[in-house]
N, C-alpha and C. Protein backbone atom coordinates (compact mmCIF):
# COMPACT_ATOMS: atom_id res chain seq x y z
N UNK A 1 0.82 -1.20 0.00
CA UNK A 1 0.00 0.00 0.00
C UNK A 1 0.86 1.26 0.00
N UNK A 2 1.86 1.34 0.90
CA UNK A 2 2.75 2.49 0.97
C UNK A 2 4.16 2.03 0.59
N UNK A 3 4.36 1.69 -0.65
CA UNK A 3 5.64 1.15 -1.08
C UNK A 3 6.71 2.21 -1.26
N UNK A 4 6.32 3.42 -1.61
CA UNK A 4 7.29 4.49 -1.86
C UNK A 4 7.42 5.38 -0.63
N UNK A 5 8.33 5.04 0.27
CA UNK A 5 8.59 5.87 1.44
C UNK A 5 9.85 6.67 1.18
N UNK A 6 9.73 8.00 1.28
CA UNK A 6 10.83 8.90 0.91
C UNK A 6 11.68 9.29 2.12
N UNK A 7 11.07 9.85 3.13
CA UNK A 7 11.78 10.27 4.34
C UNK A 7 11.00 9.78 5.55
N UNK A 8 11.69 9.64 6.66
CA UNK A 8 10.99 9.24 7.88
C UNK A 8 11.65 9.91 9.08
N UNK A 9 10.85 10.04 10.15
CA UNK A 9 11.35 10.60 11.40
C UNK A 9 10.65 9.87 12.54
N UNK A 10 11.32 9.82 13.67
CA UNK A 10 10.77 9.14 14.84
C UNK A 10 10.86 10.07 16.04
N UNK A 11 9.79 10.10 16.83
CA UNK A 11 9.77 10.87 18.07
C UNK A 11 9.58 9.89 19.23
N UNK A 12 10.37 10.05 20.27
CA UNK A 12 10.24 9.20 21.45
C UNK A 12 9.43 9.97 22.50
N UNK A 13 8.42 9.31 23.05
CA UNK A 13 7.50 9.94 23.99
C UNK A 13 7.80 9.41 25.40
N UNK A 14 7.95 10.32 26.35
CA UNK A 14 8.15 9.96 27.76
C UNK A 14 7.21 10.80 28.60
N UNK A 15 6.60 10.17 29.59
CA UNK A 15 5.71 10.90 30.50
C UNK A 15 6.50 11.78 31.45
N UNK A 16 5.79 12.70 32.05
CA UNK A 16 6.40 13.61 33.02
C UNK A 16 6.14 13.15 34.45
N UNK A 17 6.26 14.07 35.39
CA UNK A 17 6.08 13.75 36.80
C UNK A 17 4.68 13.22 37.10
N UNK A 18 3.68 13.78 36.44
CA UNK A 18 2.29 13.40 36.71
C UNK A 18 1.96 12.01 36.13
N UNK A 19 2.58 11.63 35.01
CA UNK A 19 2.32 10.35 34.35
C UNK A 19 3.64 9.71 33.90
N UNK A 20 4.46 9.26 34.84
CA UNK A 20 5.79 8.75 34.49
C UNK A 20 5.80 7.43 33.73
N UNK A 21 4.68 6.70 33.71
CA UNK A 21 4.65 5.40 33.03
C UNK A 21 4.42 5.52 31.53
N UNK A 22 4.09 6.72 31.05
CA UNK A 22 3.88 6.90 29.61
C UNK A 22 5.21 6.77 28.89
N UNK A 23 5.23 5.93 27.86
CA UNK A 23 6.45 5.69 27.10
C UNK A 23 6.04 5.19 25.71
N UNK A 24 6.69 5.71 24.68
CA UNK A 24 6.35 5.21 23.36
C UNK A 24 7.10 5.88 22.24
N UNK A 25 6.65 5.58 21.03
CA UNK A 25 7.29 6.06 19.81
C UNK A 25 6.22 6.50 18.81
N UNK A 26 6.46 7.63 18.18
CA UNK A 26 5.62 8.09 17.07
C UNK A 26 6.51 8.17 15.84
N UNK A 27 6.06 7.56 14.74
CA UNK A 27 6.84 7.53 13.51
C UNK A 27 6.10 8.28 12.41
N UNK A 28 6.83 9.09 11.68
CA UNK A 28 6.30 9.86 10.55
C UNK A 28 7.02 9.38 9.30
N UNK A 29 6.25 8.93 8.30
CA UNK A 29 6.85 8.46 7.05
C UNK A 29 6.21 9.18 5.88
N UNK A 30 7.04 9.85 5.10
CA UNK A 30 6.56 10.56 3.92
C UNK A 30 6.31 9.55 2.80
N UNK A 31 5.12 9.60 2.23
CA UNK A 31 4.77 8.72 1.12
C UNK A 31 4.37 9.57 -0.07
N UNK A 32 4.10 8.91 -1.17
CA UNK A 32 3.69 9.63 -2.37
C UNK A 32 2.38 10.39 -2.16
N UNK A 33 1.51 9.87 -1.31
CA UNK A 33 0.20 10.48 -1.13
C UNK A 33 0.05 11.26 0.18
N UNK A 34 1.12 11.48 0.92
CA UNK A 34 1.03 12.25 2.17
C UNK A 34 1.99 11.72 3.21
N UNK A 35 1.64 11.90 4.47
CA UNK A 35 2.48 11.45 5.58
C UNK A 35 1.72 10.40 6.38
N UNK A 36 2.35 9.26 6.59
CA UNK A 36 1.79 8.19 7.39
C UNK A 36 2.33 8.35 8.81
N UNK A 37 1.42 8.48 9.79
CA UNK A 37 1.81 8.65 11.19
C UNK A 37 1.35 7.42 11.97
N UNK A 38 2.28 6.79 12.67
CA UNK A 38 1.93 5.66 13.53
C UNK A 38 2.43 5.95 14.93
N UNK A 39 1.66 5.49 15.91
CA UNK A 39 2.04 5.72 17.31
C UNK A 39 1.90 4.42 18.09
N UNK A 40 2.91 4.13 18.89
CA UNK A 40 2.87 3.01 19.83
C UNK A 40 3.21 3.59 21.19
N UNK A 41 2.18 3.72 22.03
CA UNK A 41 2.35 4.37 23.32
C UNK A 41 1.80 3.46 24.41
N UNK A 42 2.59 3.25 25.43
CA UNK A 42 2.22 2.41 26.57
C UNK A 42 2.09 3.26 27.82
N UNK A 43 1.36 2.75 28.80
CA UNK A 43 1.28 3.39 30.11
C UNK A 43 0.34 4.57 30.18
N UNK A 44 -0.59 4.68 29.23
CA UNK A 44 -1.54 5.79 29.29
C UNK A 44 -2.47 5.62 30.50
N UNK A 45 -2.79 6.72 31.19
CA UNK A 45 -3.66 6.60 32.36
C UNK A 45 -5.08 6.24 31.95
N UNK A 46 -5.75 5.51 32.83
CA UNK A 46 -7.15 5.16 32.58
C UNK A 46 -8.04 6.25 33.15
N UNK A 47 -9.14 6.50 32.46
CA UNK A 47 -10.07 7.52 32.88
C UNK A 47 -11.33 6.87 33.46
N UNK A 48 -11.90 7.50 34.44
CA UNK A 48 -13.16 7.02 34.99
C UNK A 48 -14.34 7.37 34.06
N UNK A 49 -14.11 8.33 33.17
CA UNK A 49 -15.14 8.75 32.22
C UNK A 49 -15.14 7.87 31.00
N UNK A 50 -16.28 7.76 30.34
CA UNK A 50 -16.36 7.00 29.10
C UNK A 50 -15.79 7.82 27.96
N UNK A 51 -15.19 7.15 27.00
CA UNK A 51 -14.72 7.81 25.79
C UNK A 51 -15.91 8.12 24.90
N UNK A 52 -15.83 9.23 24.24
CA UNK A 52 -16.93 9.61 23.32
C UNK A 52 -16.51 9.34 21.91
């Protein structure tokens, strides 16, 4: 599907004092039709509220 990848960049995500367990990677890959963004993030806090 995305065979022509031209440039790519990676961002490393780390939580702060309030949420130190957050850790992950976000990858940006330039393709012929735009930018493909993927995220793998662990340790996100759980909310008591329902997601909308």
